[in-house]
Amino acid sequence: MQTSWVEKHKSYEQAEQERWEQRRWELTRYLVSQDRRSVVLGKLNLSDAAIARRARQLADATIEELRNNKMQHGHGKGSK
């Protein structure tokens, strides 16, 4: 059975979404590690929960901005 254009498009969109989620996860992990390092060095006074919340918020905002920039410059396919 041949795959329809719609199925291929949905598959592409799903793969693209998974790539963005992977980037978001990697960025969040990086930000948490940097904040924890700052806590150890005495430069930052935050709980683990506050560090995680701060990292998620920053990662979400950063990834959303990157996605929007990609769409505006015509490198993305489809809609958000």
PDB file of N, CA and C in Angstrom:
ATOM      1  N   MET A   1       0.846  -1.184   0.000  1.00  0.00           N
ATOM      2  CA  MET A   1       0.000   0.000   0.000  1.00  0.00           C
ATOM      3  C   MET A   1       0.891   1.247   0.000  1.00  0.00           C
ATOM      4  N   GLN A   2       0.563   2.187  -0.805  1.00  0.00           N
ATOM      5  CA  GLN A   2       1.350   3.410  -0.948  1.00  0.00           C
ATOM      6  C   GLN A   2       0.937   4.431   0.121  1.00  0.00           C
ATOM      7  N   THR A   3       1.925   5.136   0.646  1.00  0.00           N
ATOM      8  CA  THR A   3       1.672   6.152   1.663  1.00  0.00           C
ATOM      9  C   THR A   3       1.180   7.436   0.993  1.00  0.00           C
ATOM     10  N   SER A   4       0.104   7.987   1.530  1.00  0.00           N
ATOM     11  CA  SER A   4      -0.459   9.199   0.947  1.00  0.00           C
ATOM     12  C   SER A   4       0.378  10.418   1.343  1.00  0.00           C
ATOM     13  N   TRP A   5       0.179  11.497   0.600  1.00  0.00           N
ATOM     14  CA  TRP A   5       0.873  12.749   0.899  1.00  0.00           C
ATOM     15  C   TRP A   5       0.534  13.228   2.305  1.00  0.00           C
ATOM     16  N   VAL A   6      -0.725  13.091   2.693  1.00  0.00           N
ATOM     17  CA  VAL A   6      -1.172  13.545   4.013  1.00  0.00           C
ATOM     18  C   VAL A   6      -0.453  12.762   5.111  1.00  0.00           C
ATOM     19  N   GLU A   7      -0.344  11.451   4.929  1.00  0.00           N
ATOM     20  CA  GLU A   7       0.353  10.630   5.926  1.00  0.00           C
ATOM     21  C   GLU A   7       1.825  11.004   6.010  1.00  0.00           C
ATOM     22  N   LYS A   8       2.457  11.251   4.866  1.00  0.00           N
ATOM     23  CA  LYS A   8       3.862  11.661   4.862  1.00  0.00           C
ATOM     24  C   LYS A   8       4.035  12.994   5.571  1.00  0.00           C
ATOM     25  N   HIS A   9       3.106  13.926   5.297  1.00  0.00           N
ATOM     26  CA  HIS A   9       3.165  15.245   5.914  1.00  0.00           C
ATOM     27  C   HIS A   9       3.004  15.134   7.432  1.00  0.00           C
ATOM     28  N   LYS A  10       2.046  14.328   7.886  1.00  0.00           N
ATOM     29  CA  LYS A  10       1.837  14.138   9.321  1.00  0.00           C
ATOM     30  C   LYS A  10       3.071  13.507   9.952  1.00  0.00           C
ATOM     31  N   SER A  11       3.671  12.564   9.260  1.00  0.00           N
ATOM     32  CA  SER A  11       4.877  11.916   9.761  1.00  0.00           C
ATOM     33  C   SER A  11       6.009  12.922   9.885  1.00  0.00           C
ATOM     34  N   TYR A  12       6.166  13.781   8.880  1.00  0.00           N
ATOM     35  CA  TYR A  12       7.189  14.830   8.915  1.00  0.00           C
ATOM     36  C   TYR A  12       6.929  15.779  10.079  1.00  0.00           C
ATOM     37  N   GLU A  13       5.689  16.215  10.241  1.00  0.00           N
ATOM     38  CA  GLU A  13       5.333  17.135  11.324  1.00  0.00           C
ATOM     39  C   GLU A  13       5.617  16.512  12.687  1.00  0.00           C
ATOM     40  N   GLN A  14       5.298  15.236  12.835  1.00  0.00           N
ATOM     41  CA  GLN A  14       5.540  14.559  14.099  1.00  0.00           C
ATOM     42  C   GLN A  14       7.046  14.460  14.374  1.00  0.00           C
ATOM     43  N   ALA A  15       7.822  14.131  13.360  1.00  0.00           N
ATOM     44  CA  ALA A  15       9.277  14.042  13.516  1.00  0.00           C
ATOM     45  C   ALA A  15       9.854  15.407  13.864  1.00  0.00           C
ATOM     46  N   GLU A  16       9.352  16.449  13.231  1.00  0.00           N
ATOM     47  CA  GLU A  16       9.814  17.818  13.521  1.00  0.00           C
ATOM     48  C   GLU A  16       9.488  18.190  14.969  1.00  0.00           C
ATOM     49  N   GLN A  17       8.285  17.865  15.416  1.00  0.00           N
ATOM     50  CA  GLN A  17       7.884  18.145  16.801  1.00  0.00           C
ATOM     51  C   GLN A  17       8.791  17.393  17.778  1.00  0.00           C
ATOM     52  N   GLU A  18       9.109  16.148  17.469  1.00  0.00           N
ATOM     53  CA  GLU A  18       9.987  15.362  18.340  1.00  0.00           C
ATOM     54  C   GLU A  18      11.388  15.965  18.404  1.00  0.00           C
ATOM     55  N   ARG A  19      11.867  16.495  17.268  1.00  0.00           N
ATOM     56  CA  ARG A  19      13.182  17.147  17.277  1.00  0.00           C
ATOM     57  C   ARG A  19      13.178  18.381  18.167  1.00  0.00           C
ATOM     58  N   TRP A  20      12.113  19.192  18.116  1.00  0.00           N
ATOM     59  CA  TRP A  20      12.020  20.379  18.967  1.00  0.00           C
ATOM     60  C   TRP A  20      11.938  19.977  20.437  1.00  0.00           C
ATOM     61  N   GLU A  21      11.184  18.926  20.741  1.00  0.00           N
ATOM     62  CA  GLU A  21      11.075  18.464  22.126  1.00  0.00           C
ATOM     63  C   GLU A  21      12.431  17.974  22.633  1.00  0.00           C
ATOM     64  N   GLN A  22      13.187  17.299  21.775  1.00  0.00           N
ATOM     65  CA  GLN A  22      14.525  16.843  22.156  1.00  0.00           C
ATOM     66  C   GLN A  22      15.438  18.046  22.437  1.00  0.00           C
ATOM     67  N   ARG A  23      15.374  19.055  21.591  1.00  0.00           N
ATOM     68  CA  ARG A  23      16.173  20.269  21.819  1.00  0.00           C
ATOM     69  C   ARG A  23      15.779  20.939  23.134  1.00  0.00           C
ATOM     70  N   ARG A  24      14.478  20.997  23.399  1.00  0.00           N
ATOM     71  CA  ARG A  24      13.976  21.611  24.633  1.00  0.00           C
ATOM     72  C   ARG A  24      14.518  20.845  25.851  1.00  0.00           C
ATOM     73  N   TRP A  25      14.471  19.519  25.792  1.00  0.00           N
ATOM     74  CA  TRP A  25      14.951  18.690  26.895  1.00  0.00           C
ATOM     75  C   TRP A  25      16.453  18.898  27.113  1.00  0.00           C
ATOM     76  N   GLU A  26      17.229  18.908  26.034  1.00  0.00           N
ATOM     77  CA  GLU A  26      18.675  19.103  26.144  1.00  0.00           C
ATOM     78  C   GLU A  26      19.015  20.481  26.718  1.00  0.00           C
ATOM     79  N   LEU A  27      18.316  21.497  26.266  1.00  0.00           N
ATOM     80  CA  LEU A  27      18.550  22.848  26.778  1.00  0.00           C
ATOM     81  C   LEU A  27      18.172  22.938  28.255  1.00  0.00           C
ATOM     82  N   THR A  28      17.063  22.335  28.635  1.00  0.00           N
ATOM     83  CA  THR A  28      16.642  22.342  30.037  1.00  0.00           C
ATOM     84  C   THR A  28      17.695  21.670  30.913  1.00  0.00           C
ATOM     85  N   ARG A  29      18.182  20.526  30.488  1.00  0.00           N
ATOM     86  CA  ARG A  29      19.224  19.812  31.253  1.00  0.00           C
ATOM     87  C   ARG A  29      20.480  20.672  31.392  1.00  0.00           C
ATOM     88  N   TYR A  30      20.865  21.320  30.308  1.00  0.00           N
ATOM     89  CA  TYR A  30      22.045  22.184  30.344  1.00  0.00           C
ATOM     90  C   TYR A  30      21.849  23.338  31.333  1.00  0.00           C
ATOM     91  N   LEU A  31      20.695  23.989  31.263  1.00  0.00           N
ATOM     92  CA  LEU A  31      20.422  25.130  32.144  1.00  0.00           C
ATOM     93  C   LEU A  31      20.392  24.712  33.613  1.00  0.00           C
ATOM     94  N   VAL A  32      19.804  23.546  33.895  1.00  0.00           N
ATOM     95  CA  VAL A  32      19.786  23.044  35.272  1.00  0.00           C
ATOM     96  C   VAL A  32      21.213  22.810  35.750  1.00  0.00           C
ATOM     97  N   SER A  33      22.036  22.207  34.909  1.00  0.00           N
ATOM     98  CA  SER A  33      23.418  21.938  35.329  1.00  0.00           C
ATOM     99  C   SER A  33      24.181  23.235  35.598  1.00  0.00           C
ATOM    100  N   GLN A  34      23.938  24.263  34.781  1.00  0.00           N
ATOM    101  CA  GLN A  34      24.610  25.545  34.992  1.00  0.00           C
ATOM    102  C   GLN A  34      24.150  26.222  36.283  1.00  0.00           C
ATOM    103  N   ASP A  35      22.848  26.171  36.567  1.00  0.00           N
ATOM    104  CA  ASP A  35      22.341  26.768  37.807  1.00  0.00           C
ATOM    105  C   ASP A  35      22.843  25.999  39.026  1.00  0.00           C
ATOM    106  N   ARG A  36      22.877  24.681  38.951  1.00  0.00           N
ATOM    107  CA  ARG A  36      23.386  23.891  40.079  1.00  0.00           C
ATOM    108  C   ARG A  36      24.857  24.217  40.324  1.00  0.00           C
ATOM    109  N   ARG A  37      25.601  24.400  39.259  1.00  0.00           N
ATOM    110  CA  ARG A  37      27.016  24.772  39.384  1.00  0.00           C
ATOM    111  C   ARG A  37      27.134  26.126  40.094  1.00  0.00           C
ATOM    112  N   SER A  38      26.269  27.060  39.713  1.00  0.00           N
ATOM    113  CA  SER A  38      26.282  28.382  40.359  1.00  0.00           C
ATOM    114  C   SER A  38      25.929  28.289  41.836  1.00  0.00           C
ATOM    115  N   VAL A  39      25.021  27.390  42.208  1.00  0.00           N
ATOM    116  CA  VAL A  39      24.659  27.202  43.611  1.00  0.00           C
ATOM    117  C   VAL A  39      25.865  26.674  44.379  1.00  0.00           C
ATOM    118  N   VAL A  40      26.553  25.682  43.821  1.00  0.00           N
ATOM    119  CA  VAL A  40      27.735  25.112  44.469  1.00  0.00           C
ATOM    120  C   VAL A  40      28.808  26.176  44.655  1.00  0.00           C
ATOM    121  N   LEU A  41      28.955  27.035  43.670  1.00  0.00           N
ATOM    122  CA  LEU A  41      29.968  28.093  43.748  1.00  0.00           C
ATOM    123  C   LEU A  41      29.524  29.270  44.615  1.00  0.00           C
ATOM    124  N   GLY A  42      28.292  29.221  45.105  1.00  0.00           N
ATOM    125  CA  GLY A  42      27.791  30.275  45.977  1.00  0.00           C
ATOM    126  C   GLY A  42      27.303  31.508  45.244  1.00  0.00           C
ATOM    127  N   LYS A  43      27.142  31.417  43.943  1.00  0.00           N
ATOM    128  CA  LYS A  43      26.710  32.578  43.148  1.00  0.00           C
ATOM    129  C   LYS A  43      25.186  32.681  43.034  1.00  0.00           C
ATOM    130  N   LEU A  44      24.507  31.608  43.413  1.00  0.00           N
ATOM    131  CA  LEU A  44      23.062  31.560  43.247  1.00  0.00           C
ATOM    132  C   LEU A  44      22.480  30.817  44.440  1.00  0.00           C
ATOM    133  N   ASN A  45      21.350  31.282  44.944  1.00  0.00           N
ATOM    134  CA  ASN A  45      20.720  30.630  46.085  1.00  0.00           C
ATOM    135  C   ASN A  45      19.301  30.224  45.698  1.00  0.00           C
ATOM    136  N   LEU A  46      19.180  29.050  45.083  1.00  0.00           N
ATOM    137  CA  LEU A  46      17.884  28.547  44.664  1.00  0.00           C
ATOM    138  C   LEU A  46      17.734  27.084  45.077  1.00  0.00           C
ATOM    139  N   SER A  47      16.499  26.670  45.322  1.00  0.00           N
ATOM    140  CA  SER A  47      16.225  25.260  45.601  1.00  0.00           C
ATOM    141  C   SER A  47      16.244  24.479  44.280  1.00  0.00           C
ATOM    142  N   ASP A  48      16.303  23.153  44.377  1.00  0.00           N
ATOM    143  CA  ASP A  48      16.257  22.326  43.175  1.00  0.00           C
ATOM    144  C   ASP A  48      14.976  22.570  42.376  1.00  0.00           C
ATOM    145  N   ALA A  49      13.861  22.727  43.092  1.00  0.00           N
ATOM    146  CA  ALA A  49      12.582  22.964  42.399  1.00  0.00           C
ATOM    147  C   ALA A  49      12.613  24.303  41.659  1.00  0.00           C
ATOM    148  N   ALA A  50      13.177  25.325  42.291  1.00  0.00           N
ATOM    149  CA  ALA A  50      13.258  26.650  41.652  1.00  0.00           C
ATOM    150  C   ALA A  50      14.189  26.601  40.444  1.00  0.00           C
ATOM    151  N   ILE A  51      15.280  25.869  40.564  1.00  0.00           N
ATOM    152  CA  ILE A  51      16.205  25.717  39.432  1.00  0.00           C
ATOM    153  C   ILE A  51      15.505  25.045  38.262  1.00  0.00           C
ATOM    154  N   ALA A  52      14.784  23.967  38.544  1.00  0.00           N
ATOM    155  CA  ALA A  52      14.078  23.231  37.485  1.00  0.00           C
ATOM    156  C   ALA A  52      13.023  24.100  36.819  1.00  0.00           C
ATOM    157  N   ARG A  53      12.259  24.829  37.636  1.00  0.00           N
ATOM    158  CA  ARG A  53      11.206  25.706  37.095  1.00  0.00           C
ATOM    159  C   ARG A  53      11.816  26.798  36.223  1.00  0.00           C
ATOM    160  N   ARG A  54      12.869  27.411  36.711  1.00  0.00           N
ATOM    161  CA  ARG A  54      13.546  28.470  35.960  1.00  0.00           C
ATOM    162  C   ARG A  54      14.106  27.933  34.635  1.00  0.00           C
ATOM    163  N   ALA A  55      14.718  26.764  34.680  1.00  0.00           N
ATOM    164  CA  ALA A  55      15.294  26.161  33.469  1.00  0.00           C
ATOM    165  C   ALA A  55      14.210  25.826  32.448  1.00  0.00           C
ATOM    166  N   ARG A  56      13.095  25.246  32.918  1.00  0.00           N
ATOM    167  CA  ARG A  56      11.995  24.914  31.997  1.00  0.00           C
ATOM    168  C   ARG A  56      11.424  26.154  31.335  1.00  0.00           C
ATOM    169  N   GLN A  57      11.236  27.209  32.127  1.00  0.00           N
ATOM    170  CA  GLN A  57      10.669  28.448  31.579  1.00  0.00           C
ATOM    171  C   GLN A  57      11.600  29.052  30.528  1.00  0.00           C
ATOM    172  N   LEU A  58      12.878  29.097  30.833  1.00  0.00           N
ATOM    173  CA  LEU A  58      13.836  29.664  29.893  1.00  0.00           C
ATOM    174  C   LEU A  58      13.964  28.801  28.638  1.00  0.00           C
ATOM    175  N   ALA A  59      13.994  27.488  28.818  1.00  0.00           N
ATOM    176  CA  ALA A  59      14.083  26.582  27.670  1.00  0.00           C
ATOM    177  C   ALA A  59      12.837  26.710  26.801  1.00  0.00           C
ATOM    178  N   ASP A  60      11.661  26.743  27.413  1.00  0.00           N
ATOM    179  CA  ASP A  60      10.409  26.894  26.654  1.00  0.00           C
ATOM    180  C   ASP A  60      10.422  28.180  25.835  1.00  0.00           C
ATOM    181  N   ALA A  61      10.804  29.279  26.475  1.00  0.00           N
ATOM    182  CA  ALA A  61      10.824  30.573  25.778  1.00  0.00           C
ATOM    183  C   ALA A  61      11.854  30.569  24.647  1.00  0.00           C
ATOM    184  N   THR A  62      13.007  29.991  24.902  1.00  0.00           N
ATOM    185  CA  THR A  62      14.066  29.955  23.888  1.00  0.00           C
ATOM    186  C   THR A  62      13.658  29.109  22.692  1.00  0.00           C
ATOM    187  N   ILE A  63      13.130  27.924  22.948  1.00  0.00           N
ATOM    188  CA  ILE A  63      12.716  27.036  21.859  1.00  0.00           C
ATOM    189  C   ILE A  63      11.579  27.670  21.065  1.00  0.00           C
ATOM    190  N   GLU A  64      10.641  28.288  21.744  1.00  0.00           N
ATOM    191  CA  GLU A  64       9.518  28.942  21.043  1.00  0.00           C
ATOM    192  C   GLU A  64      10.034  30.057  20.146  1.00  0.00           C
ATOM    193  N   GLU A  65      10.989  30.829  20.645  1.00  0.00           N
ATOM    194  CA  GLU A  65      11.566  31.909  19.834  1.00  0.00           C
ATOM    195  C   GLU A  65      12.303  31.337  18.621  1.00  0.00           C
ATOM    196  N   LEU A  66      13.050  30.274  18.826  1.00  0.00           N
ATOM    197  CA  LEU A  66      13.757  29.643  17.706  1.00  0.00           C
ATOM    198  C   LEU A  66      12.778  29.107  16.659  1.00  0.00           C
ATOM    199  N   ARG A  67      11.711  28.464  17.121  1.00  0.00           N
ATOM    200  CA  ARG A  67      10.698  27.929  16.200  1.00  0.00           C
ATOM    201  C   ARG A  67      10.041  29.062  15.410  1.00  0.00           C
ATOM    202  N   ASN A  68       9.709  30.156  16.108  1.00  0.00           N
ATOM    203  CA  ASN A  68       9.076  31.295  15.442  1.00  0.00           C
ATOM    204  C   ASN A  68      10.017  31.910  14.410  1.00  0.00           C
ATOM    205  N   ASN A  69      11.287  32.039  14.755  1.00  0.00           N
ATOM    206  CA  ASN A  69      12.267  32.584  13.815  1.00  0.00           C
ATOM    207  C   ASN A  69      12.403  31.690  12.590  1.00  0.00           C
ATOM    208  N   LYS A  70      12.394  30.387  12.802  1.00  0.00           N
ATOM    209  CA  LYS A  70      12.505  29.451  11.679  1.00  0.00           C
ATOM    210  C   LYS A  70      11.304  29.600  10.748  1.00  0.00           C
ATOM    211  N   MET A  71      10.113  29.738  11.332  1.00  0.00           N
ATOM    212  CA  MET A  71       8.901  29.885  10.521  1.00  0.00           C
ATOM    213  C   MET A  71       8.897  31.215   9.771  1.00  0.00           C
ATOM    214  N   GLN A  72       9.335  32.283  10.433  1.00  0.00           N
ATOM    215  CA  GLN A  72       9.328  33.608   9.806  1.00  0.00           C
ATOM    216  C   GLN A  72      10.295  33.693   8.637  1.00  0.00           C
ATOM    217  N   HIS A  73      11.393  32.972   8.730  1.00  0.00           N
ATOM    218  CA  HIS A  73      12.396  33.041   7.676  1.00  0.00           C
ATOM    219  C   HIS A  73      12.201  31.992   6.596  1.00  0.00           C
ATOM    220  N   GLY A  74      11.066  31.286   6.668  1.00  0.00           N
ATOM    221  CA  GLY A  74      10.706  30.370   5.597  1.00  0.00           C
ATOM    222  C   GLY A  74      11.452  29.054   5.580  1.00  0.00           C
ATOM    223  N   HIS A  75      12.091  28.700   6.693  1.00  0.00           N
ATOM    224  CA  HIS A  75      12.813  27.437   6.712  1.00  0.00           C
ATOM    225  C   HIS A  75      11.950  26.298   7.222  1.00  0.00           C
ATOM    226  N   GLY A  76      10.844  26.633   7.853  1.00  0.00           N
ATOM    227  CA  GLY A  76       9.964  25.599   8.381  1.00  0.00           C
ATOM    228  C   GLY A  76       8.894  25.238   7.374  1.00  0.00           C
ATOM    229  N   LYS A  77       8.333  24.061   7.536  1.00  0.00           N
ATOM    230  CA  LYS A  77       7.251  23.633   6.653  1.00  0.00           C
ATOM    231  C   LYS A  77       6.001  23.432   7.497  1.00  0.00           C
ATOM    232  N   GLY A  78       4.896  23.798   6.971  1.00  0.00           N
ATOM    233  CA  GLY A  78       3.650  23.615   7.694  1.00  0.00           C
ATOM    234  C   GLY A  78       3.450  24.695   8.734  1.00  0.00           C
ATOM    235  N   SER A  79       2.540  24.439   9.651  1.00  0.00           N
ATOM    236  CA  SER A  79       2.246  25.402  10.697  1.00  0.00           C
ATOM    237  C   SER A  79       2.670  24.835  12.035  1.00  0.00           C
ATOM    238  N   LYS A  80       2.651  25.707  13.041  1.00  0.00           N
ATOM    239  CA  LYS A  80       3.072  25.285  14.382  1.00  0.00           C
ATOM    240  C   LYS A  80       2.136  24.276  14.971  1.00  0.00           C
TER     241      LYS A  80
END
